[in-house]
Structure formats: structure tokens, C-alpha cells
Amino acid sequence: MMRDEARLEQMRSTLAVDGYHLSVEEGDSGFDVRITADPESCADCLVPKKVMVSMLEPILGVPAEDIRLAYPSDAL
């Protein structure tokens, strides 16, 4: 697995403008990706998960099924 740190940082910066925070943890079977939001952020303003995963695929260098994505609106 080869992740593109520069593009990952670019995505983090883009999300941060709208008050979102991206964390990525590499596990044995792919990546756990969590997006959290500041209290004043719009919880429903993110693109659909499927779209976000398709954006993350080339950045993380893994197929969609190896990316587990959690959004602020997901129950913990």
C-alpha cells in the first residue's frame, strides 16, 4: 500500500476550511478513515460516502473495499 501523503494533506486542508478534520489509520486490512466536524460545521454538507471513498482510493492506494469511512453523523 502506497499512500500519497501530499494529496492526503491537501484533502485535510480542503476539509479544514469547512471545519472538518480527517484522520487516517492504517490497519492490517486497509484504512480506517474518520471525518469529524467542529460544532459549527454542517454535519450533512459532506459529499456522499461513496464519493468520498472514490476520492480516497487513489490517495490511499487501496481499493474502495479496504477503506472504512466514518462520518460525523455516524453513531459511534
PDB file of N, CA and C in Angstrom:
ATOM      1  N   MET A   1       0.847  -1.190   0.000  1.00  0.00           N
ATOM      2  CA  MET A   1       0.000   0.000   0.000  1.00  0.00           C
ATOM      3  C   MET A   1       0.887   1.244   0.000  1.00  0.00           C
ATOM      4  N   MET A   2       0.601   2.115  -0.921  1.00  0.00           N
ATOM      5  CA  MET A   2       1.395   3.337  -1.015  1.00  0.00           C
ATOM      6  C   MET A   2       0.463   4.535  -0.949  1.00  0.00           C
ATOM      7  N   ARG A   3       0.469   5.205   0.166  1.00  0.00           N
ATOM      8  CA  ARG A   3      -0.408   6.371   0.255  1.00  0.00           C
ATOM      9  C   ARG A   3       0.340   7.635  -0.128  1.00  0.00           C
ATOM     10  N   ASP A   4      -0.390   8.540  -0.697  1.00  0.00           N
ATOM     11  CA  ASP A   4       0.158   9.797  -1.188  1.00  0.00           C
ATOM     12  C   ASP A   4      -0.029  10.859  -0.108  1.00  0.00           C
ATOM     13  N   GLU A   5       1.017  11.061   0.698  1.00  0.00           N
ATOM     14  CA  GLU A   5       0.917  11.984   1.839  1.00  0.00           C
ATOM     15  C   GLU A   5       0.615  13.421   1.412  1.00  0.00           C
ATOM     16  N   ALA A   6       1.178  13.848   0.287  1.00  0.00           N
ATOM     17  CA  ALA A   6       0.953  15.225  -0.175  1.00  0.00           C
ATOM     18  C   ALA A   6      -0.520  15.440  -0.507  1.00  0.00           C
ATOM     19  N   ARG A   7      -1.113  14.487  -1.223  1.00  0.00           N
ATOM     20  CA  ARG A   7      -2.537  14.617  -1.578  1.00  0.00           C
ATOM     21  C   ARG A   7      -3.427  14.450  -0.349  1.00  0.00           C
ATOM     22  N   LEU A   8      -2.990  13.636   0.598  1.00  0.00           N
ATOM     23  CA  LEU A   8      -3.752  13.462   1.836  1.00  0.00           C
ATOM     24  C   LEU A   8      -3.761  14.773   2.623  1.00  0.00           C
ATOM     25  N   GLU A   9      -2.609  15.445   2.690  1.00  0.00           N
ATOM     26  CA  GLU A   9      -2.535  16.740   3.365  1.00  0.00           C
ATOM     27  C   GLU A   9      -3.404  17.773   2.661  1.00  0.00           C
ATOM     28  N   GLN A  10      -3.425  17.722   1.325  1.00  0.00           N
ATOM     29  CA  GLN A  10      -4.243  18.654   0.545  1.00  0.00           C
ATOM     30  C   GLN A  10      -5.728  18.438   0.872  1.00  0.00           C
ATOM     31  N   MET A  11      -6.128  17.171   0.982  1.00  0.00           N
ATOM     32  CA  MET A  11      -7.517  16.868   1.314  1.00  0.00           C
ATOM     33  C   MET A  11      -7.835  17.341   2.733  1.00  0.00           C
ATOM     34  N   ARG A  12      -6.905  17.127   3.654  1.00  0.00           N
ATOM     35  CA  ARG A  12      -7.094  17.600   5.033  1.00  0.00           C
ATOM     36  C   ARG A  12      -7.309  19.103   5.053  1.00  0.00           C
ATOM     37  N   SER A  13      -6.469  19.834   4.307  1.00  0.00           N
ATOM     38  CA  SER A  13      -6.569  21.297   4.266  1.00  0.00           C
ATOM     39  C   SER A  13      -7.904  21.754   3.689  1.00  0.00           C
ATOM     40  N   THR A  14      -8.319  21.083   2.619  1.00  0.00           N
ATOM     41  CA  THR A  14      -9.592  21.423   1.975  1.00  0.00           C
ATOM     42  C   THR A  14     -10.751  21.214   2.948  1.00  0.00           C
ATOM     43  N   LEU A  15     -10.749  20.089   3.655  1.00  0.00           N
ATOM     44  CA  LEU A  15     -11.815  19.802   4.619  1.00  0.00           C
ATOM     45  C   LEU A  15     -11.764  20.775   5.801  1.00  0.00           C
ATOM     46  N   ALA A  16     -10.566  21.140   6.220  1.00  0.00           N
ATOM     47  CA  ALA A  16     -10.402  22.016   7.385  1.00  0.00           C
ATOM     48  C   ALA A  16     -11.018  23.391   7.163  1.00  0.00           C
ATOM     49  N   VAL A  17     -11.025  23.847   5.916  1.00  0.00           N
ATOM     50  CA  VAL A  17     -11.631  25.143   5.585  1.00  0.00           C
ATOM     51  C   VAL A  17     -13.093  25.171   6.025  1.00  0.00           C
ATOM     52  N   ASP A  18     -13.762  24.028   5.917  1.00  0.00           N
ATOM     53  CA  ASP A  18     -15.180  23.931   6.291  1.00  0.00           C
ATOM     54  C   ASP A  18     -15.374  23.371   7.699  1.00  0.00           C
ATOM     55  N   GLY A  19     -14.288  23.266   8.461  1.00  0.00           N
ATOM     56  CA  GLY A  19     -14.403  22.818   9.848  1.00  0.00           C
ATOM     57  C   GLY A  19     -14.422  21.312  10.032  1.00  0.00           C
ATOM     58  N   TYR A  20     -13.885  20.578   9.072  1.00  0.00           N
ATOM     59  CA  TYR A  20     -13.819  19.118   9.168  1.00  0.00           C
ATOM     60  C   TYR A  20     -12.382  18.673   9.401  1.00  0.00           C
ATOM     61  N   HIS A  21     -12.241  17.542  10.046  1.00  0.00           N
ATOM     62  CA  HIS A  21     -10.912  17.007  10.358  1.00  0.00           C
ATOM     63  C   HIS A  21     -10.843  15.558   9.897  1.00  0.00           C
ATOM     64  N   LEU A  22      -9.788  15.234   9.176  1.00  0.00           N
ATOM     65  CA  LEU A  22      -9.614  13.908   8.589  1.00  0.00           C
ATOM     66  C   LEU A  22      -8.519  13.162   9.327  1.00  0.00           C
ATOM     67  N   SER A  23      -8.854  11.989   9.840  1.00  0.00           N
ATOM     68  CA  SER A  23      -7.824  11.136  10.439  1.00  0.00           C
ATOM     69  C   SER A  23      -7.816   9.809   9.700  1.00  0.00           C
ATOM     70  N   VAL A  24      -6.613   9.313   9.465  1.00  0.00           N
ATOM     71  CA  VAL A  24      -6.425   8.071   8.715  1.00  0.00           C
ATOM     72  C   VAL A  24      -5.524   7.160   9.527  1.00  0.00           C
ATOM     73  N   GLU A  25      -6.012   5.944   9.784  1.00  0.00           N
ATOM     74  CA  GLU A  25      -5.196   4.955  10.475  1.00  0.00           C
ATOM     75  C   GLU A  25      -5.096   3.718   9.610  1.00  0.00           C
ATOM     76  N   GLU A  26      -3.859   3.274   9.423  1.00  0.00           N
ATOM     77  CA  GLU A  26      -3.637   2.086   8.602  1.00  0.00           C
ATOM     78  C   GLU A  26      -3.725   0.853   9.482  1.00  0.00           C
ATOM     79  N   GLY A  27      -4.527  -0.112   9.045  1.00  0.00           N
ATOM     80  CA  GLY A  27      -4.673  -1.366   9.772  1.00  0.00           C
ATOM     81  C   GLY A  27      -4.196  -2.523   8.917  1.00  0.00           C
ATOM     82  N   ASP A  28      -4.399  -3.727   9.407  1.00  0.00           N
ATOM     83  CA  ASP A  28      -3.970  -4.923   8.679  1.00  0.00           C
ATOM     84  C   ASP A  28      -4.707  -5.083   7.356  1.00  0.00           C
ATOM     85  N   SER A  29      -5.966  -4.688   7.354  1.00  0.00           N
ATOM     86  CA  SER A  29      -6.782  -4.929   6.156  1.00  0.00           C
ATOM     87  C   SER A  29      -7.292  -3.635   5.541  1.00  0.00           C
ATOM     88  N   GLY A  30      -6.432  -2.623   5.455  1.00  0.00           N
ATOM     89  CA  GLY A  30      -6.863  -1.378   4.830  1.00  0.00           C
ATOM     90  C   GLY A  30      -6.743  -0.195   5.762  1.00  0.00           C
ATOM     91  N   PHE A  31      -7.640   0.762   5.561  1.00  0.00           N
ATOM     92  CA  PHE A  31      -7.571   2.004   6.315  1.00  0.00           C
ATOM     93  C   PHE A  31      -8.880   2.308   7.025  1.00  0.00           C
ATOM     94  N   ASP A  32      -8.743   2.838   8.250  1.00  0.00           N
ATOM     95  CA  ASP A  32      -9.887   3.374   8.976  1.00  0.00           C
ATOM     96  C   ASP A  32      -9.791   4.892   8.833  1.00  0.00           C
ATOM     97  N   VAL A  33     -10.792   5.471   8.182  1.00  0.00           N
ATOM     98  CA  VAL A  33     -10.800   6.901   7.931  1.00  0.00           C
ATOM     99  C   VAL A  33     -11.973   7.505   8.686  1.00  0.00           C
ATOM    100  N   ARG A  34     -11.681   8.539   9.482  1.00  0.00           N
ATOM    101  CA  ARG A  34     -12.739   9.204  10.244  1.00  0.00           C
ATOM    102  C   ARG A  34     -12.710  10.685   9.919  1.00  0.00           C
ATOM    103  N   ILE A  35     -13.884  11.218   9.646  1.00  0.00           N
ATOM    104  CA  ILE A  35     -14.014  12.658   9.457  1.00  0.00           C
ATOM    105  C   ILE A  35     -14.864  13.177  10.602  1.00  0.00           C
ATOM    106  N   THR A  36     -14.300  14.123  11.346  1.00  0.00           N
ATOM    107  CA  THR A  36     -15.030  14.750  12.446  1.00  0.00           C
ATOM    108  C   THR A  36     -15.298  16.204  12.070  1.00  0.00           C
ATOM    109  N   ALA A  37     -16.240  16.804  12.769  1.00  0.00           N
ATOM    110  CA  ALA A  37     -16.641  18.171  12.438  1.00  0.00           C
ATOM    111  C   ALA A  37     -16.620  19.054  13.666  1.00  0.00           C
ATOM    112  N   ASP A  38     -16.251  20.310  13.457  1.00  0.00           N
ATOM    113  CA  ASP A  38     -16.365  21.298  14.523  1.00  0.00           C
ATOM    114  C   ASP A  38     -17.857  21.507  14.798  1.00  0.00           C
ATOM    115  N   PRO A  39     -18.200  21.955  16.021  1.00  0.00           N
ATOM    116  CA  PRO A  39     -19.625  22.143  16.361  1.00  0.00           C
ATOM    117  C   PRO A  39     -20.387  23.032  15.372  1.00  0.00           C
ATOM    118  N   GLU A  40     -19.720  24.046  14.821  1.00  0.00           N
ATOM    119  CA  GLU A  40     -20.415  24.967  13.907  1.00  0.00           C
ATOM    120  C   GLU A  40     -20.452  24.467  12.465  1.00  0.00           C
ATOM    121  N   SER A  41     -19.827  23.326  12.197  1.00  0.00           N
ATOM    122  CA  SER A  41     -19.827  22.781  10.838  1.00  0.00           C
ATOM    123  C   SER A  41     -21.164  22.148  10.491  1.00  0.00           C
ATOM    124  N   CYS A  42     -21.452  22.134   9.222  1.00  0.00           N
ATOM    125  CA  CYS A  42     -22.671  21.496   8.727  1.00  0.00           C
ATOM    126  C   CYS A  42     -22.452  19.990   8.676  1.00  0.00           C
ATOM    127  N   ALA A  43     -23.155  19.261   9.515  1.00  0.00           N
ATOM    128  CA  ALA A  43     -22.946  17.814   9.617  1.00  0.00           C
ATOM    129  C   ALA A  43     -23.337  17.068   8.341  1.00  0.00           C
ATOM    130  N   ASP A  44     -24.227  17.649   7.554  1.00  0.00           N
ATOM    131  CA  ASP A  44     -24.711  16.967   6.353  1.00  0.00           C
ATOM    132  C   ASP A  44     -24.140  17.555   5.060  1.00  0.00           C
ATOM    133  N   CYS A  45     -23.083  18.345   5.162  1.00  0.00           N
ATOM    134  CA  CYS A  45     -22.559  19.025   3.976  1.00  0.00           C
ATOM    135  C   CYS A  45     -21.450  18.258   3.259  1.00  0.00           C
ATOM    136  N   LEU A  46     -21.060  17.128   3.770  1.00  0.00           N
ATOM    137  CA  LEU A  46     -20.031  16.335   3.101  1.00  0.00           C
ATOM    138  C   LEU A  46     -20.635  15.605   1.907  1.00  0.00           C
ATOM    139  N   VAL A  47     -19.790  15.289   0.937  1.00  0.00           N
ATOM    140  CA  VAL A  47     -20.267  14.508  -0.212  1.00  0.00           C
ATOM    141  C   VAL A  47     -20.695  13.128   0.277  1.00  0.00           C
ATOM    142  N   PRO A  48     -21.521  12.410  -0.479  1.00  0.00           N
ATOM    143  CA  PRO A  48     -21.895  11.057  -0.069  1.00  0.00           C
ATOM    144  C   PRO A  48     -20.648  10.200   0.162  1.00  0.00           C
ATOM    145  N   LYS A  49     -20.758   9.261   1.094  1.00  0.00           N
ATOM    146  CA  LYS A  49     -19.610   8.417   1.439  1.00  0.00           C
ATOM    147  C   LYS A  49     -18.975   7.748   0.223  1.00  0.00           C
ATOM    148  N   LYS A  50     -19.813   7.274  -0.686  1.00  0.00           N
ATOM    149  CA  LYS A  50     -19.300   6.588  -1.875  1.00  0.00           C
ATOM    150  C   LYS A  50     -18.381   7.510  -2.681  1.00  0.00           C
ATOM    151  N   VAL A  51     -18.745   8.773  -2.772  1.00  0.00           N
ATOM    152  CA  VAL A  51     -17.935   9.762  -3.493  1.00  0.00           C
ATOM    153  C   VAL A  51     -16.633  10.013  -2.738  1.00  0.00           C
ATOM    154  N   MET A  52     -16.720  10.166  -1.413  1.00  0.00           N
ATOM    155  CA  MET A  52     -15.514  10.403  -0.610  1.00  0.00           C
ATOM    156  C   MET A  52     -14.555   9.222  -0.718  1.00  0.00           C
ATOM    157  N   VAL A  53     -15.085   8.009  -0.663  1.00  0.00           N
ATOM    158  CA  VAL A  53     -14.236   6.821  -0.785  1.00  0.00           C
ATOM    159  C   VAL A  53     -13.564   6.785  -2.153  1.00  0.00           C
ATOM    160  N   SER A  54     -14.300   7.152  -3.209  1.00  0.00           N
ATOM    161  CA  SER A  54     -13.703   7.146  -4.547  1.00  0.00           C
ATOM    162  C   SER A  54     -12.596   8.201  -4.646  1.00  0.00           C
ATOM    163  N   MET A  55     -12.695   9.280  -3.870  1.00  0.00           N
ATOM    164  CA  MET A  55     -11.648  10.292  -3.837  1.00  0.00           C
ATOM    165  C   MET A  55     -10.437   9.791  -3.034  1.00  0.00           C
ATOM    166  N   LEU A  56     -10.707   8.992  -2.009  1.00  0.00           N
ATOM    167  CA  LEU A  56      -9.634   8.484  -1.149  1.00  0.00           C
ATOM    168  C   LEU A  56      -8.866   7.311  -1.769  1.00  0.00           C
ATOM    169  N   GLU A  57      -9.528   6.538  -2.639  1.00  0.00           N
ATOM    170  CA  GLU A  57      -8.883   5.362  -3.247  1.00  0.00           C
ATOM    171  C   GLU A  57      -7.505   5.657  -3.831  1.00  0.00           C
ATOM    172  N   PRO A  58      -7.392   6.626  -4.766  1.00  0.00           N
ATOM    173  CA  PRO A  58      -6.072   6.871  -5.347  1.00  0.00           C
ATOM    174  C   PRO A  58      -5.080   7.482  -4.351  1.00  0.00           C
ATOM    175  N   ILE A  59      -5.581   8.202  -3.368  1.00  0.00           N
ATOM    176  CA  ILE A  59      -4.708   8.834  -2.373  1.00  0.00           C
ATOM    177  C   ILE A  59      -4.118   7.774  -1.439  1.00  0.00           C
ATOM    178  N   LEU A  60      -4.961   6.823  -1.034  1.00  0.00           N
ATOM    179  CA  LEU A  60      -4.502   5.787  -0.107  1.00  0.00           C
ATOM    180  C   LEU A  60      -3.903   4.587  -0.832  1.00  0.00           C
ATOM    181  N   GLY A  61      -4.165   4.480  -2.124  1.00  0.00           N
ATOM    182  CA  GLY A  61      -3.581   3.398  -2.911  1.00  0.00           C
ATOM    183  C   GLY A  61      -4.186   2.034  -2.640  1.00  0.00           C
ATOM    184  N   VAL A  62      -5.443   2.018  -2.249  1.00  0.00           N
ATOM    185  CA  VAL A  62      -6.136   0.753  -1.990  1.00  0.00           C
ATOM    186  C   VAL A  62      -7.525   0.799  -2.631  1.00  0.00           C
ATOM    187  N   PRO A  63      -8.119  -0.376  -2.886  1.00  0.00           N
ATOM    188  CA  PRO A  63      -9.478  -0.388  -3.431  1.00  0.00           C
ATOM    189  C   PRO A  63     -10.500   0.075  -2.384  1.00  0.00           C
ATOM    190  N   ALA A  64     -11.661   0.489  -2.873  1.00  0.00           N
ATOM    191  CA  ALA A  64     -12.717   1.033  -2.008  1.00  0.00           C
ATOM    192  C   ALA A  64     -13.065   0.114  -0.837  1.00  0.00           C
ATOM    193  N   GLU A  65     -13.077  -1.191  -1.089  1.00  0.00           N
ATOM    194  CA  GLU A  65     -13.494  -2.107  -0.014  1.00  0.00           C
ATOM    195  C   GLU A  65     -12.490  -2.157   1.143  1.00  0.00           C
ATOM    196  N   ASP A  66     -11.301  -1.584   0.949  1.00  0.00           N
ATOM    197  CA  ASP A  66     -10.297  -1.547   2.019  1.00  0.00           C
ATOM    198  C   ASP A  66     -10.296  -0.220   2.774  1.00  0.00           C
ATOM    199  N   ILE A  67     -11.309   0.611   2.490  1.00  0.00           N
ATOM    200  CA  ILE A  67     -11.424   1.896   3.177  1.00  0.00           C
ATOM    201  C   ILE A  67     -12.705   1.885   4.001  1.00  0.00           C
ATOM    202  N   ARG A  68     -12.545   1.975   5.316  1.00  0.00           N
ATOM    203  CA  ARG A  68     -13.692   2.042   6.216  1.00  0.00           C
ATOM    204  C   ARG A  68     -13.836   3.505   6.632  1.00  0.00           C
ATOM    205  N   LEU A  69     -14.918   4.128   6.193  1.00  0.00           N
ATOM    206  CA  LEU A  69     -15.114   5.573   6.379  1.00  0.00           C
ATOM    207  C   LEU A  69     -16.203   5.850   7.402  1.00  0.00           C
ATOM    208  N   ALA A  70     -15.879   6.721   8.354  1.00  0.00           N
ATOM    209  CA  ALA A  70     -16.861   7.155   9.345  1.00  0.00           C
ATOM    210  C   ALA A  70     -17.043   8.663   9.217  1.00  0.00           C
ATOM    211  N   TYR A  71     -18.299   9.076   9.206  1.00  0.00           N
ATOM    212  CA  TYR A  71     -18.665  10.487   9.095  1.00  0.00           C
ATOM    213  C   TYR A  71     -19.135  11.015  10.445  1.00  0.00           C
ATOM    214  N   PRO A  72     -19.153  12.346  10.615  1.00  0.00           N
ATOM    215  CA  PRO A  72     -19.621  12.920  11.891  1.00  0.00           C
ATOM    216  C   PRO A  72     -21.043  12.482  12.255  1.00  0.00           C
ATOM    217  N   SER A  73     -21.863  12.245  11.252  1.00  0.00           N
ATOM    218  CA  SER A  73     -23.266  11.872  11.521  1.00  0.00           C
ATOM    219  C   SER A  73     -23.442  10.406  11.902  1.00  0.00           C
ATOM    220  N   ASP A  74     -22.368   9.614  11.775  1.00  0.00           N
ATOM    221  CA  ASP A  74     -22.443   8.190  12.144  1.00  0.00           C
ATOM    222  C   ASP A  74     -22.508   8.040  13.656  1.00  0.00           C
ATOM    223  N   ALA A  75     -23.285   7.085  14.107  1.00  0.00           N
ATOM    224  CA  ALA A  75     -23.310   6.782  15.538  1.00  0.00           C
ATOM    225  C   ALA A  75     -21.992   6.104  15.894  1.00  0.00           C
ATOM    226  N   LEU A  76     -21.453   6.485  17.026  1.00  0.00           N
ATOM    227  CA  LEU A  76     -20.163   5.898  17.444  1.00  0.00           C
ATOM    228  C   LEU A  76     -20.373   4.557  18.085  1.00  0.00           C
TER     229      LEU A  76
END
